[in-house]
N, C-alpha and C. Protein backbone atom coordinates (compact mmCIF):
# COMPACT_ATOMS: atom_id res chain seq x y z
N MET A 1 28.93 71.87 -122.88
CA MET A 1 27.84 72.50 -122.15
C MET A 1 28.13 74.21 -122.06
N ASN A 2 27.11 74.83 -122.51
CA ASN A 2 27.35 76.24 -122.35
C ASN A 2 27.52 76.95 -120.71
N THR A 3 27.89 78.08 -120.66
CA THR A 3 28.28 78.56 -119.34
C THR A 3 26.90 78.88 -118.66
N GLU A 4 25.78 79.41 -119.28
CA GLU A 4 24.47 79.58 -118.48
C GLU A 4 24.14 78.23 -118.00
N ALA A 5 24.16 77.08 -118.75
CA ALA A 5 23.67 75.81 -118.22
C ALA A 5 24.49 75.35 -116.98
N LEU A 6 25.74 75.54 -117.10
CA LEU A 6 26.65 75.08 -116.17
C LEU A 6 26.33 75.80 -114.71
N ILE A 7 26.19 77.17 -115.00
CA ILE A 7 25.81 78.08 -113.72
C ILE A 7 24.39 77.59 -113.12
N THR A 8 23.59 77.39 -113.88
CA THR A 8 22.22 76.82 -113.53
C THR A 8 22.21 75.52 -112.86
N MET A 9 23.03 74.56 -113.40
CA MET A 9 23.23 73.31 -112.83
C MET A 9 23.77 73.42 -111.38
N VAL A 10 24.91 74.21 -111.26
CA VAL A 10 25.76 74.12 -110.14
C VAL A 10 24.77 75.02 -109.22
N LEU A 11 24.20 75.97 -109.31
CA LEU A 11 23.35 76.62 -108.52
C LEU A 11 21.93 75.64 -107.95
N ALA A 12 21.57 75.00 -108.76
CA ALA A 12 20.40 74.08 -108.26
C ALA A 12 20.96 72.87 -107.71
N GLN A 13 22.19 72.49 -107.78
CA GLN A 13 22.79 71.40 -107.02
C GLN A 13 23.19 72.09 -105.65
N GLY A 14 23.73 72.91 -105.65
CA GLY A 14 23.78 73.84 -104.37
C GLY A 14 22.85 74.12 -103.54
N PHE A 15 21.68 74.67 -104.10
CA PHE A 15 20.45 74.86 -103.52
C PHE A 15 19.95 73.57 -102.85
N PHE A 16 19.98 72.40 -103.30
CA PHE A 16 19.39 71.12 -102.86
C PHE A 16 20.35 70.64 -101.78
N VAL A 17 21.48 70.99 -101.84
CA VAL A 17 22.57 70.17 -101.02
C VAL A 17 22.33 71.12 -99.61
N PHE A 18 22.46 72.29 -99.93
CA PHE A 18 22.32 73.26 -98.81
C PHE A 18 21.19 72.92 -97.75
N PHE A 19 19.80 72.79 -98.45
CA PHE A 19 18.75 72.49 -97.74
C PHE A 19 18.60 71.25 -97.19
N ALA A 20 19.10 70.17 -97.80
CA ALA A 20 19.19 68.70 -97.23
C ALA A 20 20.07 68.64 -96.19
N GLY A 21 21.27 69.41 -96.21
CA GLY A 21 22.24 69.43 -95.08
C GLY A 21 21.72 70.43 -93.86
N TYR A 22 20.99 71.54 -94.25
CA TYR A 22 20.25 72.09 -93.09
C TYR A 22 19.41 71.42 -92.46
N PHE A 23 18.47 70.63 -93.03
CA PHE A 23 17.45 69.95 -92.48
C PHE A 23 17.90 68.65 -91.59
N PHE A 24 18.99 68.01 -92.36
CA PHE A 24 19.54 66.87 -91.35
C PHE A 24 20.25 67.39 -90.23
N TYR A 25 20.86 68.58 -90.33
CA TYR A 25 21.45 69.18 -89.15
C TYR A 25 20.45 69.50 -88.11
N ARG A 26 19.28 69.79 -88.40
CA ARG A 26 18.22 70.26 -87.57
C ARG A 26 17.49 68.89 -87.08
N VAL A 27 17.34 68.01 -87.83
CA VAL A 27 16.83 66.59 -87.19
C VAL A 27 18.02 66.25 -86.32
N MET A 28 19.27 66.01 -86.65
CA MET A 28 20.28 65.51 -85.49
C MET A 28 20.49 66.24 -84.24
N THR A 29 20.20 67.57 -84.18
CA THR A 29 20.36 68.36 -82.99
C THR A 29 19.22 68.70 -82.42
N THR A 30 18.17 68.34 -82.85
CA THR A 30 16.79 68.75 -82.00
C THR A 30 16.69 67.69 -80.90
N PRO A 31 16.60 68.28 -79.58
CA PRO A 31 16.50 67.22 -78.42
C PRO A 31 15.13 66.60 -78.54
N PRO A 32 15.11 65.36 -78.05
CA PRO A 32 13.90 64.48 -78.05
C PRO A 32 12.87 65.01 -76.97
N LYS A 33 11.82 64.86 -77.42
CA LYS A 33 10.35 65.40 -76.61
C LYS A 33 10.42 64.32 -75.48
N GLN A 34 9.85 64.85 -74.32
CA GLN A 34 9.83 63.96 -73.15
C GLN A 34 8.31 63.13 -73.39
N GLU A 35 8.27 61.93 -73.37
CA GLU A 35 7.12 61.26 -73.67
C GLU A 35 6.44 61.00 -72.23
N PRO A 36 4.91 60.97 -72.32
CA PRO A 36 4.17 60.98 -70.98
C PRO A 36 4.45 59.54 -70.67
N ASP A 37 4.36 59.44 -69.41
CA ASP A 37 4.33 58.07 -68.49
C ASP A 37 2.93 57.47 -68.95
N SER A 38 3.02 56.27 -69.29
CA SER A 38 1.87 55.40 -69.90
C SER A 38 1.06 55.23 -68.46
N TYR A 39 1.57 54.98 -67.51
CA TYR A 39 0.78 54.63 -66.27
C TYR A 39 0.07 55.93 -65.83
N SER A 40 0.74 56.97 -65.74
CA SER A 40 0.04 58.09 -65.13
C SER A 40 -1.10 58.66 -66.12
N GLU A 41 -1.15 58.41 -67.50
CA GLU A 41 -2.30 58.68 -68.40
C GLU A 41 -3.56 57.82 -67.82
N ASN A 42 -3.42 56.64 -67.08
CA ASN A 42 -4.28 55.58 -66.87
C ASN A 42 -4.84 55.60 -65.45
N ASP A 43 -4.36 56.67 -64.68
CA ASP A 43 -4.58 56.44 -63.32
C ASP A 43 -6.37 56.63 -63.28
N ASP A 44 -6.98 57.42 -64.04
CA ASP A 44 -8.41 57.54 -63.73
C ASP A 44 -9.29 56.32 -64.24
N GLU A 45 -8.64 55.35 -64.91
CA GLU A 45 -9.42 54.25 -65.52
C GLU A 45 -9.76 53.11 -64.34
N VAL A 46 -10.69 52.53 -64.30
CA VAL A 46 -10.86 51.48 -63.35
C VAL A 46 -10.36 50.25 -64.08
N VAL A 47 -9.64 49.30 -63.25
CA VAL A 47 -9.03 48.13 -63.79
C VAL A 47 -9.95 47.10 -63.43
N ARG A 48 -10.30 46.22 -64.40
CA ARG A 48 -11.21 45.17 -64.55
C ARG A 48 -10.54 43.86 -63.94
N GLN A 49 -11.05 43.02 -63.06
CA GLN A 49 -10.30 41.83 -62.82
C GLN A 49 -11.10 40.71 -63.27
N ASN A 50 -10.42 39.61 -63.58
CA ASN A 50 -11.17 38.63 -64.21
C ASN A 50 -11.88 37.68 -63.05
N GLN A 51 -13.05 37.45 -63.27
CA GLN A 51 -13.75 36.70 -62.08
C GLN A 51 -13.91 35.06 -62.37
């Protein structure tokens, strides 16, 4: 393998490893979003009762 091909291969692999690691870090360190309370969303709905 010639020098240019080796440099290209190493740079391409480094590029993808860097971005994969960066986004993996972002996913692992992002705090979870607060989910709304399912009961508070349904407060204005009328509850039907079986007769």
